[in-house]
Amino acid sequence: MNKKHKVCMYLPPFAGDYSGVCSALFDLGGMICIHDAAGCTGNYTHFDEPRWYGSHSMVYCTSLRKVDAILGDDEKLIGKITKNALERHPKFIAIVGSPVPNVIGFDFNGVARAVENRTGIPCFGFPTAGIKGSYYDGILMVYSALSEYYEKNPEKREPWKDGGTVAIPGISPLDMHQEVYDSLCGSLSENGICLMQEQGMYGSLLFYQYPEKVTLNLVWNQAGLAIAKAMEKKYQTPYIVNFPIGQKQMSSYLELVREGKTAVFKVLSPKTSRRSGVIIADSVIGDSIRNFLRSENIDCKLYTIEHEDDVSTYLSDEDTILSVVKNQKDLLIADPLFIEFSGGVKDQIPFPQYSVSSRIGKNSYWNYLDENKWLELKL
């Protein structure tokens, strides 16, 4: 959000950087310790993590108390984390920040090193605060920290398992809900494309331990694009941006995947469009939807609240978000919370994003990969 307009009067705060870190680590088999007094942990598990209920992932609150914060009793924290880690044997440990530890100058990296020395388990400190950055920044922090660590400490890596070498970097249920993600992954698997991620999982620890073995990155969200660009620069790994909607597009997309070169999956704007609209979404997801609508002679302008990029207009604060929503008259595709503020728009399509409306928008989820669903809307 724009620094001049930090306070939101009508919209809730969107998922913060600590939620991005936790989301990226959730499926990797580690122990995630959120250093706070329970507020941020509850906010993440209850409102920013749809996989939490029924999962076996190790997400803990360090139960930071006022006296510990004042006295800086790091030994107590180190002892608690060490004891739990030696009992549960996680693949790694992550100590994730919240506002209070940042205010008191808590040394995340120093404590992480102390825990690793005692347990022998890779340990990472993430100085997140939930104030400045978004979940996008948290996802990038995970890639940077884990890939650098395992590059410097190859003996800490798991043995390489022969399997898929096509990866989906940076993907998170905060951007793409499970039904859509599983559907896309399933279509690729059915067509002989082997992914690094196990079925139903958003991430793979091997991706961070052996990034040089990735032969192709499929970019399905903005965070993934930033990671893919970094990997292309360092490892010359090609990547494909956007994903297909409908069977017709899937055939063309598979051709690009099999070709294995850097590309953007794109449908050109129609010479004449029968109507126009606005999409507010992650720019990669939004651009993929825009591609499909272009094939239906509908041209949309794309806005994003995540991060500034080349294909979308960045909405930096609440005022600009509400201005776009209120002034759109023909077609609006956006999170249900944004649609609440629309004026006399002709057609509105709820497009819930978990990072925005959390569980509030859950009943509005639909599989936007199914072209028949779009036909039912009679746009």
Protein backbone atom coordinates (compact mmCIF):
# COMPACT_ATOMS: atom_id res chain seq x y z
CA MET A 1 0.00 0.00 0.00
CA ASN A 2 1.07 3.60 -0.65
CA LYS A 3 2.88 5.06 2.39
CA LYS A 4 0.61 8.11 2.40
CA HIS A 5 -2.52 5.94 2.58
CA LYS A 6 -1.61 3.14 4.98
CA VAL A 7 -4.87 3.18 6.92
CA CYS A 8 -7.79 1.30 5.35
CA MET A 9 -11.23 2.59 6.25
CA TYR A 10 -13.32 -0.01 4.41
CA LEU A 11 -11.13 -2.93 3.33
CA PRO A 12 -9.36 -5.36 5.67
CA PRO A 13 -5.56 -5.64 5.70
CA PHE A 14 -4.37 -8.11 3.08
CA ALA A 15 -2.16 -11.11 3.88
CA GLY A 16 1.20 -9.94 5.26
CA ASP A 17 4.78 -11.02 4.71
CA TYR A 18 4.79 -13.53 7.59
CA SER A 19 1.79 -15.28 6.00
CA GLY A 20 3.69 -15.49 2.72
CA VAL A 21 6.66 -17.12 4.45
CA CYS A 22 4.46 -19.63 6.27
CA SER A 23 2.41 -20.37 3.14
CA ALA A 24 5.52 -21.12 1.07
CA LEU A 25 6.90 -23.41 3.81
CA PHE A 26 3.64 -25.14 4.76
CA ASP A 27 3.95 -28.25 2.56
CA LEU A 28 7.72 -28.75 2.95
CA GLY A 29 7.84 -30.81 6.15
CA GLY A 30 9.44 -28.22 8.40
CA MET A 31 8.60 -26.80 11.82
CA ILE A 32 7.32 -23.22 11.58
CA CYS A 33 7.62 -21.15 14.77
CA ILE A 34 5.84 -17.79 14.64
CA HIS A 35 7.46 -15.58 17.26
CA ASP A 36 4.54 -13.69 18.78
CA ALA A 37 2.01 -13.74 21.60
CA ALA A 38 -0.54 -15.78 19.57
CA GLY A 39 -2.23 -12.98 17.61
CA CYS A 40 -0.23 -13.31 14.39
CA THR A 41 -0.18 -17.11 14.60
CA GLY A 42 -3.97 -17.17 14.91
CA ASN A 43 -4.31 -14.66 12.10
CA TYR A 44 -2.22 -16.88 9.81
CA THR A 45 -3.73 -20.26 10.69
CA HIS A 46 -7.36 -19.09 10.83
CA PHE A 47 -7.48 -16.46 8.09
CA ASP A 48 -4.46 -16.80 5.76
CA GLU A 49 -4.06 -20.58 5.51
CA PRO A 50 -6.91 -22.62 3.97
CA ARG A 51 -4.88 -25.84 4.38
CA TRP A 52 -4.58 -25.49 8.16
CA TYR A 53 -7.73 -27.35 9.24
CA GLY A 54 -7.12 -31.09 9.09
CA SER A 55 -3.43 -30.77 8.23
CA HIS A 56 -0.45 -32.26 10.05
CA SER A 57 1.91 -29.37 9.31
CA MET A 58 3.96 -28.20 12.29
CA VAL A 59 2.99 -24.56 12.87
CA TYR A 60 3.60 -23.26 16.39
CA CYS A 61 3.34 -20.04 18.35
CA THR A 62 6.30 -19.19 20.58
CA SER A 63 3.94 -17.54 23.12
CA LEU A 64 6.03 -14.41 23.49
CA ARG A 65 5.22 -12.73 26.80
CA LYS A 66 5.73 -9.11 27.87
CA VAL A 67 8.42 -9.93 30.41
CA ASP A 68 10.36 -12.02 27.85
CA ALA A 69 10.18 -9.19 25.34
CA ILE A 70 11.40 -6.64 27.90
CA LEU A 71 14.22 -8.81 29.29
CA GLY A 72 15.19 -10.30 25.93
CA ASP A 73 15.17 -13.87 27.29
CA ASP A 74 16.26 -15.59 24.06
CA GLU A 75 17.54 -18.66 25.91
CA LYS A 76 14.01 -19.59 26.91
CA LEU A 77 12.88 -19.46 23.28
CA ILE A 78 15.91 -21.37 22.01
CA GLY A 79 15.32 -24.08 24.59
CA LYS A 80 11.62 -24.50 23.68
CA ILE A 81 12.28 -24.72 19.95
CA THR A 82 15.21 -27.12 20.45
CA LYS A 83 13.17 -29.44 22.68
CA ASN A 84 10.26 -29.62 20.23
CA ALA A 85 12.50 -30.06 17.20
CA LEU A 86 14.39 -32.98 18.77
CA GLU A 87 11.07 -34.65 19.56
CA ARG A 88 9.45 -34.13 16.14
CA HIS A 89 12.45 -34.32 13.76
CA PRO A 90 11.34 -31.76 11.16
CA LYS A 91 13.26 -31.36 7.90
CA PHE A 92 14.04 -27.76 8.85
CA ILE A 93 13.03 -25.07 11.36
CA ALA A 94 11.76 -21.59 10.54
CA ILE A 95 11.52 -18.76 13.09
CA VAL A 96 9.08 -16.25 11.63
CA GLY A 97 8.69 -12.68 12.86
CA SER A 98 5.76 -10.53 13.97
CA PRO A 99 5.60 -6.82 14.94
CA VAL A 100 6.78 -7.03 18.58
CA PRO A 101 10.09 -8.91 18.00
CA ASN A 102 10.96 -6.40 15.28
CA VAL A 103 10.27 -3.46 17.59
CA ILE A 104 12.59 -4.83 20.28
CA GLY A 105 15.34 -5.71 17.80
CA PHE A 106 15.13 -9.50 18.06
CA ASP A 107 18.04 -11.22 16.28
CA PHE A 108 16.27 -13.78 14.08
CA ASN A 109 19.39 -15.02 12.30
CA GLY A 110 21.39 -15.24 15.53
CA VAL A 111 18.72 -17.31 17.28
CA ALA A 112 18.34 -19.48 14.18
CA ARG A 113 22.08 -20.24 14.22
CA ALA A 114 21.91 -21.10 17.92
CA VAL A 115 19.00 -23.52 17.36
CA GLU A 116 20.76 -25.14 14.40
CA ASN A 117 23.96 -25.62 16.42
CA ARG A 118 22.01 -27.46 19.13
CA THR A 119 19.77 -29.56 16.89
CA GLY A 120 21.82 -30.10 13.74
CA ILE A 121 18.65 -29.26 11.79
CA PRO A 122 18.72 -26.45 9.18
CA CYS A 123 17.16 -23.37 10.78
CA PHE A 124 16.09 -20.11 9.15
CA GLY A 125 15.22 -16.74 10.64
CA PHE A 126 12.70 -14.54 8.83
CA PRO A 127 12.48 -10.95 10.19
CA THR A 128 8.93 -10.42 8.95
CA ALA A 129 6.67 -7.92 10.69
CA GLY A 130 3.30 -7.95 8.91
CA ILE A 131 3.52 -4.17 8.51
CA LYS A 132 5.60 -3.19 5.45
CA GLY A 133 5.62 -6.16 3.12
CA SER A 134 2.92 -8.34 1.61
CA TYR A 135 2.72 -12.11 1.33
CA TYR A 136 4.44 -11.72 -2.07
CA ASP A 137 7.57 -10.50 -0.27
CA GLY A 138 7.38 -13.39 2.18
CA ILE A 139 7.30 -15.98 -0.62
CA LEU A 140 10.39 -14.42 -2.19
CA MET A 141 12.16 -14.41 1.19
CA VAL A 142 11.69 -18.17 1.42
CA TYR A 143 13.19 -18.80 -2.02
CA SER A 144 16.17 -16.57 -1.27
CA ALA A 145 16.87 -18.02 2.20
CA LEU A 146 16.45 -21.71 1.41
CA SER A 147 18.17 -21.81 -1.98
CA GLU A 148 21.18 -19.85 -0.66
CA TYR A 149 21.45 -22.04 2.44
CA TYR A 150 21.42 -25.35 0.57
CA GLU A 151 23.84 -24.02 -2.03
CA LYS A 152 26.32 -23.22 0.77
CA ASN A 153 25.54 -26.42 2.73
CA PRO A 154 25.02 -29.19 0.14
CA GLU A 155 25.60 -31.85 2.80
CA LYS A 156 22.30 -30.79 4.41
CA ARG A 157 20.27 -31.64 1.31
CA GLU A 158 18.05 -34.69 1.05
CA PRO A 159 19.15 -37.27 -1.54
CA TRP A 160 17.89 -36.36 -5.00
CA LYS A 161 14.88 -38.42 -6.10
CA ASP A 162 14.46 -39.16 -9.77
CA GLY A 163 11.18 -37.72 -10.91
CA GLY A 164 9.78 -34.49 -12.22
CA THR A 165 12.04 -31.57 -13.09
CA VAL A 166 9.26 -29.14 -14.09
CA ALA A 167 8.48 -26.77 -11.21
CA ILE A 168 5.80 -24.25 -10.29
CA PRO A 169 7.72 -21.67 -8.25
CA GLY A 170 6.11 -19.36 -5.71
CA ILE A 171 2.61 -20.78 -6.04
CA SER A 172 0.37 -20.42 -2.98
CA PRO A 173 -3.29 -20.93 -2.05
CA LEU A 174 -3.27 -17.23 -1.18
CA ASP A 175 -3.35 -16.71 -4.95
CA MET A 176 -4.75 -19.92 -6.46
CA HIS A 177 -7.19 -22.11 -4.57
CA GLN A 178 -6.78 -25.87 -4.36
CA GLU A 179 -9.40 -26.95 -6.91
CA VAL A 180 -7.89 -24.82 -9.68
CA TYR A 181 -4.33 -25.76 -8.74
CA ASP A 182 -5.08 -29.49 -8.63
CA SER A 183 -6.94 -29.27 -11.93
CA LEU A 184 -4.00 -27.62 -13.69
CA CYS A 185 -1.46 -30.04 -12.21
CA GLY A 186 -3.71 -32.99 -13.07
CA SER A 187 -4.03 -31.93 -16.71
CA LEU A 188 -0.25 -31.69 -17.00
CA SER A 189 0.30 -35.10 -15.38
CA GLU A 190 -2.29 -36.71 -17.66
CA ASN A 191 -0.32 -35.40 -20.61
CA GLY A 192 3.02 -36.79 -19.43
CA ILE A 193 4.46 -33.67 -17.77
CA CYS A 194 6.21 -34.70 -14.52
CA LEU A 195 6.16 -32.04 -11.81
CA MET A 196 8.54 -31.66 -8.85
CA GLN A 197 5.60 -31.02 -6.53
CA GLU A 198 3.84 -34.11 -5.21
CA GLN A 199 0.13 -34.40 -5.98
CA GLY A 200 -1.89 -31.87 -3.98
CA MET A 201 1.22 -30.10 -2.67
CA TYR A 202 2.01 -26.48 -3.46
CA GLY A 203 5.73 -26.87 -2.84
CA SER A 204 8.67 -29.26 -2.81
CA LEU A 205 11.76 -28.98 -0.61
CA LEU A 206 13.81 -30.48 -3.45
CA PHE A 207 13.03 -27.37 -5.50
CA TYR A 208 15.01 -25.26 -3.01
CA GLN A 209 17.71 -27.87 -2.45
CA TYR A 210 18.38 -28.59 -6.13
CA PRO A 211 17.29 -25.51 -8.12
CA GLU A 212 19.94 -26.27 -10.73
CA LYS A 213 18.08 -29.49 -11.65
CA VAL A 214 14.87 -27.66 -12.62
CA THR A 215 14.49 -27.84 -16.40
CA LEU A 216 11.42 -25.59 -16.73
CA ASN A 217 9.45 -23.24 -14.48
CA LEU A 218 5.71 -22.79 -15.00
CA VAL A 219 4.73 -19.35 -13.74
CA TRP A 220 1.18 -19.17 -12.38
CA ASN A 221 1.41 -16.13 -10.08
CA GLN A 222 3.41 -12.93 -9.58
CA ALA A 223 5.74 -14.30 -6.91
CA GLY A 224 6.52 -17.22 -9.20
CA LEU A 225 7.50 -14.82 -11.97
CA ALA A 226 10.04 -13.06 -9.76
CA ILE A 227 11.56 -16.41 -8.72
CA ALA A 228 11.58 -17.70 -12.33
CA LYS A 229 13.41 -14.59 -13.53
CA ALA A 230 16.03 -15.03 -10.77
CA MET A 231 16.51 -18.69 -11.74
CA GLU A 232 16.82 -17.87 -15.42
CA LYS A 233 19.55 -15.36 -14.59
CA LYS A 234 21.46 -17.75 -12.31
CA TYR A 235 20.82 -21.18 -13.84
CA GLN A 236 19.53 -20.28 -17.33
CA THR A 237 16.29 -22.09 -16.47
CA PRO A 238 13.54 -21.26 -19.00
CA TYR A 239 10.04 -20.35 -17.85
CA ILE A 240 6.53 -20.03 -19.26
CA VAL A 241 4.23 -17.29 -17.95
CA ASN A 242 0.43 -17.74 -17.63
CA PHE A 243 -1.73 -20.87 -17.79
CA PRO A 244 -4.50 -22.15 -20.07
CA ILE A 245 -8.26 -21.98 -19.56
CA GLY A 246 -10.26 -24.61 -21.40
CA GLN A 247 -9.22 -27.58 -23.54
CA LYS A 248 -8.53 -25.52 -26.64
CA GLN A 249 -5.90 -23.45 -24.85
CA MET A 250 -4.47 -26.49 -23.07
CA SER A 251 -3.33 -28.02 -26.38
CA SER A 252 -1.39 -24.87 -27.29
CA TYR A 253 0.03 -24.61 -23.78
CA LEU A 254 1.30 -28.19 -23.83
CA GLU A 255 3.16 -27.46 -27.05
CA LEU A 256 4.98 -24.60 -25.30
CA VAL A 257 5.77 -26.78 -22.27
CA ARG A 258 7.21 -29.56 -24.43
CA GLU A 259 9.25 -27.02 -26.37
CA GLY A 260 10.72 -25.92 -23.02
CA LYS A 261 11.76 -22.37 -23.89
CA THR A 262 11.06 -19.08 -22.13
CA ALA A 263 7.73 -17.76 -23.38
CA VAL A 264 4.54 -15.95 -22.45
CA PHE A 265 1.33 -17.85 -23.16
CA LYS A 266 -0.65 -15.10 -24.82
CA VAL A 267 -3.83 -14.36 -26.77
CA LEU A 268 -3.74 -11.08 -28.68
CA SER A 269 -6.36 -8.41 -28.11
CA PRO A 270 -9.31 -8.69 -30.50
CA LYS A 271 -9.41 -6.11 -33.32
CA THR A 272 -12.94 -5.34 -32.32
CA SER A 273 -14.30 -6.23 -28.88
CA ARG A 274 -18.00 -6.58 -28.14
CA ARG A 275 -17.53 -5.38 -24.57
CA SER A 276 -14.87 -4.24 -22.10
CA GLY A 277 -14.18 -4.97 -18.48
CA VAL A 278 -11.87 -4.74 -15.50
CA ILE A 279 -10.03 -7.57 -13.73
CA ILE A 280 -8.48 -7.06 -10.28
CA ALA A 281 -6.28 -10.04 -9.46
CA ASP A 282 -2.74 -11.34 -9.25
CA SER A 283 -1.31 -10.14 -12.56
CA VAL A 284 -0.35 -13.59 -13.90
CA ILE A 285 -3.69 -15.12 -12.96
CA GLY A 286 -5.52 -12.04 -14.22
CA ASP A 287 -3.60 -12.06 -17.50
CA SER A 288 -4.50 -15.73 -18.01
CA ILE A 289 -8.18 -14.88 -17.54
CA ARG A 290 -7.79 -11.90 -19.85
CA ASN A 291 -6.36 -14.26 -22.49
CA PHE A 292 -9.47 -16.41 -22.34
CA LEU A 293 -11.84 -13.45 -22.48
CA ARG A 294 -9.97 -12.06 -25.49
CA SER A 295 -10.80 -15.28 -27.33
CA GLU A 296 -14.45 -14.42 -26.57
CA ASN A 297 -14.00 -10.87 -27.96
CA ILE A 298 -14.03 -9.29 -24.51
CA ASP A 299 -11.13 -6.97 -23.75
CA CYS A 300 -10.30 -6.25 -20.13
CA LYS A 301 -7.96 -3.90 -18.34
CA LEU A 302 -5.92 -5.64 -15.66
CA TYR A 303 -5.21 -4.25 -12.19
CA THR A 304 -3.26 -5.81 -9.35
CA ILE A 305 -2.86 -5.10 -5.64
CA GLU A 306 0.24 -7.29 -5.26
CA HIS A 307 3.21 -5.65 -6.89
CA GLU A 308 4.01 -3.31 -9.76
CA ASP A 309 4.78 -5.04 -13.08
CA ASP A 310 4.63 -4.66 -16.86
CA VAL A 311 1.24 -6.21 -17.66
CA SER A 312 -1.04 -4.65 -15.06
CA THR A 313 -1.76 -1.36 -13.33
CA TYR A 314 -0.78 -1.36 -9.68
CA LEU A 315 -3.44 -0.25 -7.20
CA SER A 316 -1.29 1.02 -4.36
CA ASP A 317 -3.90 1.99 -1.77
CA GLU A 318 -7.52 1.70 -0.75
CA ASP A 319 -8.55 4.93 -2.49
CA THR A 320 -7.32 3.79 -5.90
CA ILE A 321 -8.88 0.34 -5.49
CA LEU A 322 -12.29 1.77 -4.63
CA SER A 323 -12.06 4.38 -7.39
CA VAL A 324 -11.54 1.70 -10.05
CA VAL A 325 -14.32 -0.48 -8.63
CA LYS A 326 -16.86 2.33 -8.33
CA ASN A 327 -16.21 3.72 -11.82
CA GLN A 328 -16.45 0.45 -13.77
CA LYS A 329 -19.80 0.23 -15.63
CA ASP A 330 -19.71 -2.82 -17.91
CA LEU A 331 -17.91 -5.91 -16.49
CA LEU A 332 -16.07 -6.28 -13.17
CA ILE A 333 -14.12 -9.39 -12.17
CA ALA A 334 -12.80 -8.99 -8.64
CA ASP A 335 -12.80 -10.27 -5.09
CA PRO A 336 -16.28 -10.18 -3.47
CA LEU A 337 -15.07 -7.59 -0.96
CA PHE A 338 -14.18 -5.23 -3.81
CA ILE A 339 -17.46 -5.90 -5.62
CA GLU A 340 -19.34 -4.74 -2.50
CA PHE A 341 -18.26 -1.20 -3.37
CA SER A 342 -19.14 -1.30 -7.07
CA GLY A 343 -21.64 1.20 -8.41
CA GLY A 344 -23.93 0.54 -11.35
CA VAL A 345 -21.82 -2.12 -13.03
CA LYS A 346 -23.76 -4.26 -15.51
CA ASP A 347 -22.10 -7.63 -14.77
CA GLN A 348 -19.99 -8.57 -11.79
CA ILE A 349 -18.13 -11.85 -11.41
CA PRO A 350 -16.87 -12.72 -7.93
CA PHE A 351 -13.24 -13.79 -8.13
CA PRO A 352 -12.20 -14.50 -4.52
CA GLN A 353 -8.56 -14.22 -3.56
CA TYR A 354 -7.73 -15.75 -0.18
CA SER A 355 -5.12 -13.07 0.53
CA VAL A 356 -7.91 -10.47 0.37
CA SER A 357 -11.21 -11.88 1.65
CA SER A 358 -9.97 -15.04 3.38
CA ARG A 359 -12.83 -17.30 4.48
CA ILE A 360 -15.43 -14.61 3.75
CA GLY A 361 -15.11 -15.24 0.02
CA LYS A 362 -14.82 -19.01 0.26
CA ASN A 363 -18.43 -19.66 -0.81
CA SER A 364 -17.79 -17.74 -4.01
CA TYR A 365 -15.03 -20.05 -5.26
CA TRP A 366 -15.51 -21.61 -8.67
CA ASN A 367 -13.26 -23.44 -11.12
CA TYR A 368 -12.41 -20.71 -13.60
CA LEU A 369 -10.42 -23.21 -15.70
CA ASP A 370 -13.71 -24.71 -16.88
CA GLU A 371 -14.76 -22.85 -20.03
CA ASN A 372 -18.33 -24.11 -19.60
CA LYS A 373 -18.56 -22.13 -16.36
CA TRP A 374 -17.75 -19.01 -18.34
CA LEU A 375 -20.38 -19.87 -20.95
CA GLU A 376 -22.97 -20.23 -18.19
CA LEU A 377 -22.30 -16.61 -17.21
CA LYS A 378 -23.57 -15.50 -20.66
CA LEU A 379 -21.17 -12.59 -20.89
